[in-house]
Amino acid sequence: GILLPGGISAGKSTFTAWMVSLGFDYLTDELVYIPWETDTMVSFARPLHLKKPSRPVLSPLMNYAEPGDRILAGSYSDLAHPSLLAEPRPYSQPPVRHILFPRYQPQAEFNWQALSPAQAGLELMQCLINARNLPDHGFSEAARLARSAGAVKITYSFFSQIEKQILSIESN
């Protein structure tokens, strides 16, 4: 399983849609729950929520002209069923094996930075929802997860910059 935590407008949904088009399984475009002291991802399934700026990037992969019943186009964003990109697969609850922190930036230089467990833990803490309701604000669980999975921070401006590295993750 690949976990994609990050802030608003980092490009996670567009990145996820692109990964689905490469053959990766899709769990959710929203929240992932990892039960205490496990590495199992339990997803809250929903359609891909894609903002309008992602349309030109994803138009080679999705037909926006004929949305049909699998895409709901709005004035600010679209909700797209992942089956527009790949055949649906049975629901699963995979263990977290990789944590990717993708960040799309126009005209950015490509950067693929492996993170230490400490760096990954810090990044995870910035994305943890409802931390105040968890023992020690979830710090020990974020640290445990960061130690158990490889983590990478990615900055890119084109999918062609990252395709080789992403496909190598799939084989691991």
C-alpha atoms as a PDB file:
ATOM      1  CA  GLY A   1       0.000   0.000   0.000  1.00  0.00           C
ATOM      2  CA  ILE A   2       1.054   3.549  -0.757  1.00  0.00           C
ATOM      3  CA  LEU A   3      -0.080   6.356   1.526  1.00  0.00           C
ATOM      4  CA  LEU A   4      -0.206   9.891   0.050  1.00  0.00           C
ATOM      5  CA  PRO A   5      -0.571  12.393   2.905  1.00  0.00           C
ATOM      6  CA  GLY A   6      -0.262  16.095   2.280  1.00  0.00           C
ATOM      7  CA  GLY A   7      -1.787  19.511   2.510  1.00  0.00           C
ATOM      8  CA  ILE A   8      -4.502  21.117   0.430  1.00  0.00           C
ATOM      9  CA  SER A   9      -3.566  21.818  -3.213  1.00  0.00           C
ATOM     10  CA  ALA A  10      -0.439  19.645  -3.154  1.00  0.00           C
ATOM     11  CA  GLY A  11      -1.800  17.768  -6.182  1.00  0.00           C
ATOM     12  CA  LYS A  12      -2.584  14.498  -4.379  1.00  0.00           C
ATOM     13  CA  SER A  13      -5.840  13.819  -6.248  1.00  0.00           C
ATOM     14  CA  THR A  14      -4.347  14.434  -9.679  1.00  0.00           C
ATOM     15  CA  PHE A  15      -1.324  12.342  -8.665  1.00  0.00           C
ATOM     16  CA  THR A  16      -3.680   9.571  -7.507  1.00  0.00           C
ATOM     17  CA  ALA A  17      -5.658   9.674 -10.761  1.00  0.00           C
ATOM     18  CA  TRP A  18      -2.417   9.374 -12.722  1.00  0.00           C
ATOM     19  CA  MET A  19      -1.282   6.418 -10.582  1.00  0.00           C
ATOM     20  CA  VAL A  20      -4.621   4.653 -11.180  1.00  0.00           C
ATOM     21  CA  SER A  21      -4.092   5.138 -14.919  1.00  0.00           C
ATOM     22  CA  LEU A  22      -0.746   3.324 -14.520  1.00  0.00           C
ATOM     23  CA  GLY A  23      -2.502   0.322 -12.986  1.00  0.00           C
ATOM     24  CA  PHE A  24      -2.257   1.047  -9.262  1.00  0.00           C
ATOM     25  CA  ASP A  25      -5.292   0.121  -7.155  1.00  0.00           C
ATOM     26  CA  TYR A  26      -7.494   2.919  -5.847  1.00  0.00           C
ATOM     27  CA  LEU A  27      -8.751   2.992  -2.272  1.00  0.00           C
ATOM     28  CA  THR A  28      -9.841   6.571  -1.689  1.00  0.00           C
ATOM     29  CA  ASP A  29      -9.286  10.197  -2.475  1.00  0.00           C
ATOM     30  CA  GLU A  30     -10.009  11.341   1.031  1.00  0.00           C
ATOM     31  CA  LEU A  31      -9.330   9.913   4.464  1.00  0.00           C
ATOM     32  CA  VAL A  32      -7.420   6.797   5.420  1.00  0.00           C
ATOM     33  CA  TYR A  33      -7.804   5.345   8.879  1.00  0.00           C
ATOM     34  CA  ILE A  34      -4.975   3.227  10.262  1.00  0.00           C
ATOM     35  CA  PRO A  35      -6.169   1.352  13.350  1.00  0.00           C
ATOM     36  CA  TRP A  36      -3.993   1.787  16.432  1.00  0.00           C
ATOM     37  CA  GLU A  37      -0.849  -0.370  16.459  1.00  0.00           C
ATOM     38  CA  THR A  38      -1.449  -1.738  12.939  1.00  0.00           C
ATOM     39  CA  ASP A  39      -0.211  -0.803   9.498  1.00  0.00           C
ATOM     40  CA  THR A  40      -3.510  -1.584   7.753  1.00  0.00           C
ATOM     41  CA  MET A  41      -5.087   1.177   5.693  1.00  0.00           C
ATOM     42  CA  VAL A  42      -8.857   1.366   5.997  1.00  0.00           C
ATOM     43  CA  SER A  43     -10.219   3.815   3.467  1.00  0.00           C
ATOM     44  CA  PHE A  44     -13.291   5.966   3.316  1.00  0.00           C
ATOM     45  CA  ALA A  45     -14.097   5.409  -0.358  1.00  0.00           C
ATOM     46  CA  ARG A  46     -15.292   8.256  -2.521  1.00  0.00           C
ATOM     47  CA  PRO A  47     -14.788   9.427  -6.105  1.00  0.00           C
ATOM     48  CA  LEU A  48     -11.672  11.295  -7.124  1.00  0.00           C
ATOM     49  CA  HIS A  49     -12.171  14.974  -6.328  1.00  0.00           C
ATOM     50  CA  LEU A  50     -10.299  16.808  -9.080  1.00  0.00           C
ATOM     51  CA  LYS A  51      -9.947  20.574  -9.244  1.00  0.00           C
ATOM     52  CA  LYS A  52     -10.380  22.299 -12.607  1.00  0.00           C
ATOM     53  CA  PRO A  53      -6.630  22.946 -13.112  1.00  0.00           C
ATOM     54  CA  SER A  54      -6.075  19.181 -13.326  1.00  0.00           C
ATOM     55  CA  ARG A  55      -8.302  18.865 -16.411  1.00  0.00           C
ATOM     56  CA  PRO A  56      -5.568  19.613 -18.992  1.00  0.00           C
ATOM     57  CA  VAL A  57      -3.217  17.208 -17.231  1.00  0.00           C
ATOM     58  CA  LEU A  58      -5.739  14.366 -17.050  1.00  0.00           C
ATOM     59  CA  SER A  59      -7.584  14.953 -20.344  1.00  0.00           C
ATOM     60  CA  PRO A  60      -5.388  12.395 -22.161  1.00  0.00           C
ATOM     61  CA  LEU A  61      -6.544   9.844 -19.566  1.00  0.00           C
ATOM     62  CA  MET A  62     -10.222  10.859 -19.149  1.00  0.00           C
ATOM     63  CA  ASN A  63     -12.841  12.004 -21.633  1.00  0.00           C
ATOM     64  CA  TYR A  64     -14.273  15.160 -20.079  1.00  0.00           C
ATOM     65  CA  ALA A  65     -16.330  15.888 -23.213  1.00  0.00           C
ATOM     66  CA  GLU A  66     -18.632  12.918 -22.571  1.00  0.00           C
ATOM     67  CA  PRO A  67     -18.838  12.631 -18.794  1.00  0.00           C
ATOM     68  CA  GLY A  68     -21.764  10.186 -18.718  1.00  0.00           C
ATOM     69  CA  ASP A  69     -22.677   8.778 -15.331  1.00  0.00           C
ATOM     70  CA  ARG A  70     -19.117   8.390 -14.006  1.00  0.00           C
ATOM     71  CA  ILE A  71     -18.123  12.042 -13.774  1.00  0.00           C
ATOM     72  CA  LEU A  72     -19.931  14.943 -12.148  1.00  0.00           C
ATOM     73  CA  ALA A  73     -18.530  18.176 -13.533  1.00  0.00           C
ATOM     74  CA  GLY A  74     -18.818  21.299 -11.436  1.00  0.00           C
ATOM     75  CA  SER A  75     -17.754  24.915 -11.814  1.00  0.00           C
ATOM     76  CA  TYR A  76     -14.761  24.531  -9.457  1.00  0.00           C
ATOM     77  CA  SER A  77     -14.055  20.800  -9.456  1.00  0.00           C
ATOM     78  CA  ASP A  78     -15.137  17.413 -10.778  1.00  0.00           C
ATOM     79  CA  LEU A  79     -16.004  14.158  -9.062  1.00  0.00           C
ATOM     80  CA  ALA A  80     -14.756  11.243 -11.168  1.00  0.00           C
ATOM     81  CA  HIS A  81     -15.235   7.547 -10.643  1.00  0.00           C
ATOM     82  CA  PRO A  82     -11.827   5.808 -10.723  1.00  0.00           C
ATOM     83  CA  SER A  83     -13.202   3.311 -13.281  1.00  0.00           C
ATOM     84  CA  LEU A  84     -12.723   6.091 -15.861  1.00  0.00           C
ATOM     85  CA  LEU A  85      -8.997   5.407 -15.528  1.00  0.00           C
ATOM     86  CA  ALA A  86      -8.796   1.665 -14.891  1.00  0.00           C
ATOM     87  CA  GLU A  87     -10.938  -1.402 -14.323  1.00  0.00           C
ATOM     88  CA  PRO A  88     -12.242  -1.504 -10.763  1.00  0.00           C
ATOM     89  CA  ARG A  89     -10.699  -4.049  -8.445  1.00  0.00           C
ATOM     90  CA  PRO A  90     -12.050  -5.622  -5.266  1.00  0.00           C
ATOM     91  CA  TYR A  91     -11.813  -3.507  -2.118  1.00  0.00           C
ATOM     92  CA  SER A  92      -8.732  -4.214  -0.060  1.00  0.00           C
ATOM     93  CA  GLN A  93      -7.081  -3.032   3.141  1.00  0.00           C
ATOM     94  CA  PRO A  94      -3.366  -3.141   2.362  1.00  0.00           C
ATOM     95  CA  PRO A  95      -0.589  -2.506   4.828  1.00  0.00           C
ATOM     96  CA  VAL A  96       1.318   0.765   4.479  1.00  0.00           C
ATOM     97  CA  ARG A  97       4.597  -0.050   2.721  1.00  0.00           C
ATOM     98  CA  HIS A  98       5.416   3.330   1.179  1.00  0.00           C
ATOM     99  CA  ILE A  99       4.604   6.888   2.200  1.00  0.00           C
ATOM    100  CA  LEU A 100       4.848   9.442  -0.592  1.00  0.00           C
ATOM    101  CA  PHE A 101       4.548  13.163   0.011  1.00  0.00           C
ATOM    102  CA  PRO A 102       3.919  14.454  -3.535  1.00  0.00           C
ATOM    103  CA  ARG A 103       4.014  18.148  -4.304  1.00  0.00           C
ATOM    104  CA  TYR A 104       3.143  19.462  -7.741  1.00  0.00           C
ATOM    105  CA  GLN A 105       4.721  22.815  -8.565  1.00  0.00           C
ATOM    106  CA  PRO A 106       4.592  24.328 -12.066  1.00  0.00           C
ATOM    107  CA  GLN A 107       8.050  24.748 -13.572  1.00  0.00           C
ATOM    108  CA  ALA A 108       9.662  23.101 -10.529  1.00  0.00           C
ATOM    109  CA  GLU A 109      12.811  21.092 -10.761  1.00  0.00           C
ATOM    110  CA  PHE A 110      12.300  17.416 -10.068  1.00  0.00           C
ATOM    111  CA  ASN A 111      13.264  16.353  -6.554  1.00  0.00           C
ATOM    112  CA  TRP A 112      12.983  12.826  -5.135  1.00  0.00           C
ATOM    113  CA  GLN A 113      14.117  12.952  -1.510  1.00  0.00           C
ATOM    114  CA  ALA A 114      14.197   9.814   0.611  1.00  0.00           C
ATOM    115  CA  LEU A 115      13.163  10.728   4.148  1.00  0.00           C
ATOM    116  CA  SER A 116      14.573   9.412   7.383  1.00  0.00           C
ATOM    117  CA  PRO A 117      12.022   7.984   9.824  1.00  0.00           C
ATOM    118  CA  ALA A 118      12.297  11.212  11.858  1.00  0.00           C
ATOM    119  CA  GLN A 119      11.607  13.388   8.799  1.00  0.00           C
ATOM    120  CA  ALA A 120       8.725  11.136   7.722  1.00  0.00           C
ATOM    121  CA  GLY A 121       7.256  11.246  11.233  1.00  0.00           C
ATOM    122  CA  LEU A 122       7.360  15.049  11.228  1.00  0.00           C
ATOM    123  CA  GLU A 123       5.639  15.162   7.829  1.00  0.00           C
ATOM    124  CA  LEU A 124       2.968  12.708   9.033  1.00  0.00           C
ATOM    125  CA  MET A 125       2.259  14.755  12.152  1.00  0.00           C
ATOM    126  CA  GLN A 126       1.461  17.742   9.919  1.00  0.00           C
ATOM    127  CA  CYS A 127      -1.270  15.682   8.202  1.00  0.00           C
ATOM    128  CA  LEU A 128      -2.738  13.872  11.200  1.00  0.00           C
ATOM    129  CA  ILE A 129      -6.415  14.642  11.667  1.00  0.00           C
ATOM    130  CA  ASN A 130      -7.917  14.693  15.165  1.00  0.00           C
ATOM    131  CA  ALA A 131      -4.514  14.264  16.779  1.00  0.00           C
ATOM    132  CA  ARG A 132      -5.820  15.907  19.942  1.00  0.00           C
ATOM    133  CA  ASN A 133      -8.120  12.910  20.464  1.00  0.00           C
ATOM    134  CA  LEU A 134      -5.302  10.364  20.387  1.00  0.00           C
ATOM    135  CA  PRO A 135      -2.944   9.286  23.172  1.00  0.00           C
ATOM    136  CA  ASP A 136       0.161  11.541  23.032  1.00  0.00           C
ATOM    137  CA  HIS A 137      -1.551  13.329  20.103  1.00  0.00           C
ATOM    138  CA  GLY A 138      -0.714  10.377  17.839  1.00  0.00           C
ATOM    139  CA  PHE A 139       3.025  11.025  17.944  1.00  0.00           C
ATOM    140  CA  SER A 140       4.040   7.460  18.891  1.00  0.00           C
ATOM    141  CA  GLU A 141       1.843   5.977  16.133  1.00  0.00           C
ATOM    142  CA  ALA A 142       3.157   8.421  13.518  1.00  0.00           C
ATOM    143  CA  ALA A 143       6.717   7.586  14.582  1.00  0.00           C
ATOM    144  CA  ARG A 144       6.012   3.833  14.468  1.00  0.00           C
ATOM    145  CA  LEU A 145       4.491   4.095  11.001  1.00  0.00           C
ATOM    146  CA  ALA A 146       7.386   6.262   9.773  1.00  0.00           C
ATOM    147  CA  ARG A 147       9.854   3.601  10.971  1.00  0.00           C
ATOM    148  CA  SER A 148       7.957   0.756   9.288  1.00  0.00           C
ATOM    149  CA  ALA A 149       7.501   2.229   5.787  1.00  0.00           C
ATOM    150  CA  GLY A 150       9.831   3.872   3.318  1.00  0.00           C
ATOM    151  CA  ALA A 151       9.052   7.557   2.836  1.00  0.00           C
ATOM    152  CA  VAL A 152       9.827   9.927  -0.017  1.00  0.00           C
ATOM    153  CA  LYS A 153       9.133  13.615  -0.551  1.00  0.00           C
ATOM    154  CA  ILE A 154       8.557  14.380  -4.232  1.00  0.00           C
ATOM    155  CA  THR A 155       8.495  17.697  -6.049  1.00  0.00           C
ATOM    156  CA  TYR A 156       7.627  17.594  -9.746  1.00  0.00           C
ATOM    157  CA  SER A 157       6.043  19.588 -12.552  1.00  0.00           C
ATOM    158  CA  PHE A 158       5.403  16.766 -15.060  1.00  0.00           C
ATOM    159  CA  PHE A 159       4.455  13.113 -14.569  1.00  0.00           C
ATOM    160  CA  SER A 160       7.203  12.126 -16.999  1.00  0.00           C
ATOM    161  CA  GLN A 161       9.701  13.268 -14.342  1.00  0.00           C
ATOM    162  CA  ILE A 162       8.486  10.718 -11.803  1.00  0.00           C
ATOM    163  CA  GLU A 163       7.113   7.781 -13.816  1.00  0.00           C
ATOM    164  CA  LYS A 164      10.241   5.622 -13.617  1.00  0.00           C
ATOM    165  CA  GLN A 165      10.539   6.006  -9.830  1.00  0.00           C
ATOM    166  CA  ILE A 166       6.820   5.413  -9.255  1.00  0.00           C
ATOM    167  CA  LEU A 167       6.826   2.251 -11.351  1.00  0.00           C
ATOM    168  CA  SER A 168       9.853   0.989  -9.417  1.00  0.00           C
ATOM    169  CA  ILE A 169       7.841   1.350  -6.185  1.00  0.00           C
ATOM    170  CA  GLU A 170       5.135  -0.878  -7.621  1.00  0.00           C
ATOM    171  CA  SER A 171       7.636  -3.702  -8.077  1.00  0.00           C
ATOM    172  CA  ASN A 172       8.865  -3.434  -4.462  1.00  0.00           C
END
